Amino acid sequence: MKLVLAQLIAVLASIGLGEAGQRTGELVYIEAGILALVLGVVLMLATFGLEFVELLRERSLSQGRLDTPAA
């Protein structure tokens, strides 16, 4: 949940910085917005990776239970 919140903040910051860069015409704001957007994408990939690992873990645990004989 913390990772998703950080991703949301990064994307919102990139939108705000991009708009500020368009209004003022300063390249620094646009570059900062692009960096914040890249950070948001990296956080999104990290979230996807964690969810994928959790899915594989749950799948392996459920298959392990089916293979054990009932006592």
C-alpha atoms as a PDB file:
ATOM      1  CA  MET A   1       0.000   0.000   0.000  1.00  0.00           C
ATOM      2  CA  LYS A   2       2.887   2.344   0.785  1.00  0.00           C
ATOM      3  CA  LEU A   3       4.369   1.702  -2.647  1.00  0.00           C
ATOM      4  CA  VAL A   4       1.096   2.541  -4.378  1.00  0.00           C
ATOM      5  CA  LEU A   5       0.788   5.746  -2.364  1.00  0.00           C
ATOM      6  CA  ALA A   6       4.343   6.758  -3.300  1.00  0.00           C
ATOM      7  CA  GLN A   7       3.549   6.016  -6.950  1.00  0.00           C
ATOM      8  CA  LEU A   8       0.437   8.186  -6.805  1.00  0.00           C
ATOM      9  CA  ILE A   9       2.359  11.061  -5.234  1.00  0.00           C
ATOM     10  CA  ALA A  10       5.089  10.803  -7.881  1.00  0.00           C
ATOM     11  CA  VAL A  11       2.588  10.863 -10.741  1.00  0.00           C
ATOM     12  CA  LEU A  12       0.683  13.803  -9.257  1.00  0.00           C
ATOM     13  CA  ALA A  13       3.960  15.667  -8.722  1.00  0.00           C
ATOM     14  CA  SER A  14       4.956  15.015 -12.332  1.00  0.00           C
ATOM     15  CA  ILE A  15       1.653  16.429 -13.556  1.00  0.00           C
ATOM     16  CA  GLY A  16       2.031  19.521 -11.384  1.00  0.00           C
ATOM     17  CA  LEU A  17       5.631  20.090 -12.413  1.00  0.00           C
ATOM     18  CA  GLY A  18       4.798  19.580 -16.079  1.00  0.00           C
ATOM     19  CA  GLU A  19       2.009  22.136 -15.918  1.00  0.00           C
ATOM     20  CA  ALA A  20       4.252  24.595 -14.072  1.00  0.00           C
ATOM     21  CA  GLY A  21       6.874  24.131 -16.759  1.00  0.00           C
ATOM     22  CA  GLN A  22       4.367  24.828 -19.510  1.00  0.00           C
ATOM     23  CA  ARG A  23       3.091  27.967 -17.775  1.00  0.00           C
ATOM     24  CA  THR A  24       6.479  29.455 -16.966  1.00  0.00           C
ATOM     25  CA  GLY A  25       8.374  28.063 -19.924  1.00  0.00           C
ATOM     26  CA  GLU A  26      11.236  26.971 -17.684  1.00  0.00           C
ATOM     27  CA  LEU A  27      12.915  23.751 -18.672  1.00  0.00           C
ATOM     28  CA  VAL A  28      13.817  22.895 -15.068  1.00  0.00           C
ATOM     29  CA  TYR A  29      10.184  22.242 -14.140  1.00  0.00           C
ATOM     30  CA  ILE A  30       9.643  20.092 -17.210  1.00  0.00           C
ATOM     31  CA  GLU A  31      12.772  18.033 -16.496  1.00  0.00           C
ATOM     32  CA  ALA A  32      11.726  17.588 -12.867  1.00  0.00           C
ATOM     33  CA  GLY A  33       8.282  16.487 -14.057  1.00  0.00           C
ATOM     34  CA  ILE A  34       9.835  13.933 -16.385  1.00  0.00           C
ATOM     35  CA  LEU A  35      12.015  12.600 -13.562  1.00  0.00           C
ATOM     36  CA  ALA A  36       8.987  12.345 -11.276  1.00  0.00           C
ATOM     37  CA  LEU A  37       7.109  10.500 -14.012  1.00  0.00           C
ATOM     38  CA  VAL A  38      10.015   8.079 -14.453  1.00  0.00           C
ATOM     39  CA  LEU A  39      10.004   7.536 -10.691  1.00  0.00           C
ATOM     40  CA  GLY A  40       6.280   6.776 -10.887  1.00  0.00           C
ATOM     41  CA  VAL A  41       6.899   4.204 -13.623  1.00  0.00           C
ATOM     42  CA  VAL A  42       9.698   2.576 -11.606  1.00  0.00           C
ATOM     43  CA  LEU A  43       7.419   2.376  -8.576  1.00  0.00           C
ATOM     44  CA  MET A  44       4.668   0.909 -10.752  1.00  0.00           C
ATOM     45  CA  LEU A  45       7.050  -1.786 -12.011  1.00  0.00           C
ATOM     46  CA  ALA A  46       8.132  -2.522  -8.437  1.00  0.00           C
ATOM     47  CA  THR A  47       4.494  -2.895  -7.385  1.00  0.00           C
ATOM     48  CA  PHE A  48       3.856  -5.198 -10.338  1.00  0.00           C
ATOM     49  CA  GLY A  49       6.917  -7.269  -9.444  1.00  0.00           C
ATOM     50  CA  LEU A  50       5.831  -7.664  -5.840  1.00  0.00           C
ATOM     51  CA  GLU A  51       2.318  -8.681  -6.866  1.00  0.00           C
ATOM     52  CA  PHE A  52       3.738 -11.190  -9.354  1.00  0.00           C
ATOM     53  CA  VAL A  53       6.031 -12.742  -6.737  1.00  0.00           C
ATOM     54  CA  GLU A  54       3.115 -12.963  -4.308  1.00  0.00           C
ATOM     55  CA  LEU A  55       0.994 -14.660  -6.973  1.00  0.00           C
ATOM     56  CA  LEU A  56       3.728 -17.208  -7.670  1.00  0.00           C
ATOM     57  CA  ARG A  57       4.172 -17.817  -3.945  1.00  0.00           C
ATOM     58  CA  GLU A  58       0.463 -18.397  -3.403  1.00  0.00           C
ATOM     59  CA  ARG A  59       0.300 -20.676  -6.418  1.00  0.00           C
ATOM     60  CA  SER A  60       3.246 -22.762  -5.196  1.00  0.00           C
ATOM     61  CA  LEU A  61       1.744 -22.998  -1.703  1.00  0.00           C
ATOM     62  CA  SER A  62      -1.612 -24.144  -3.051  1.00  0.00           C
ATOM     63  CA  GLN A  63       0.053 -26.761  -5.249  1.00  0.00           C
ATOM     64  CA  GLY A  64       2.105 -27.959  -2.286  1.00  0.00           C
ATOM     65  CA  ARG A  65      -1.026 -28.560  -0.229  1.00  0.00           C
ATOM     66  CA  LEU A  66      -2.606 -30.622  -2.988  1.00  0.00           C
ATOM     67  CA  ASP A  67       0.447 -32.882  -3.226  1.00  0.00           C
ATOM     68  CA  THR A  68       0.505 -33.788   0.470  1.00  0.00           C
ATOM     69  CA  PRO A  69      -1.579 -36.847   1.371  1.00  0.00           C
ATOM     70  CA  ALA A  70      -4.417 -36.454   3.845  1.00  0.00           C
ATOM     71  CA  ALA A  71      -3.742 -38.068   7.211  1.00  0.00           C
END
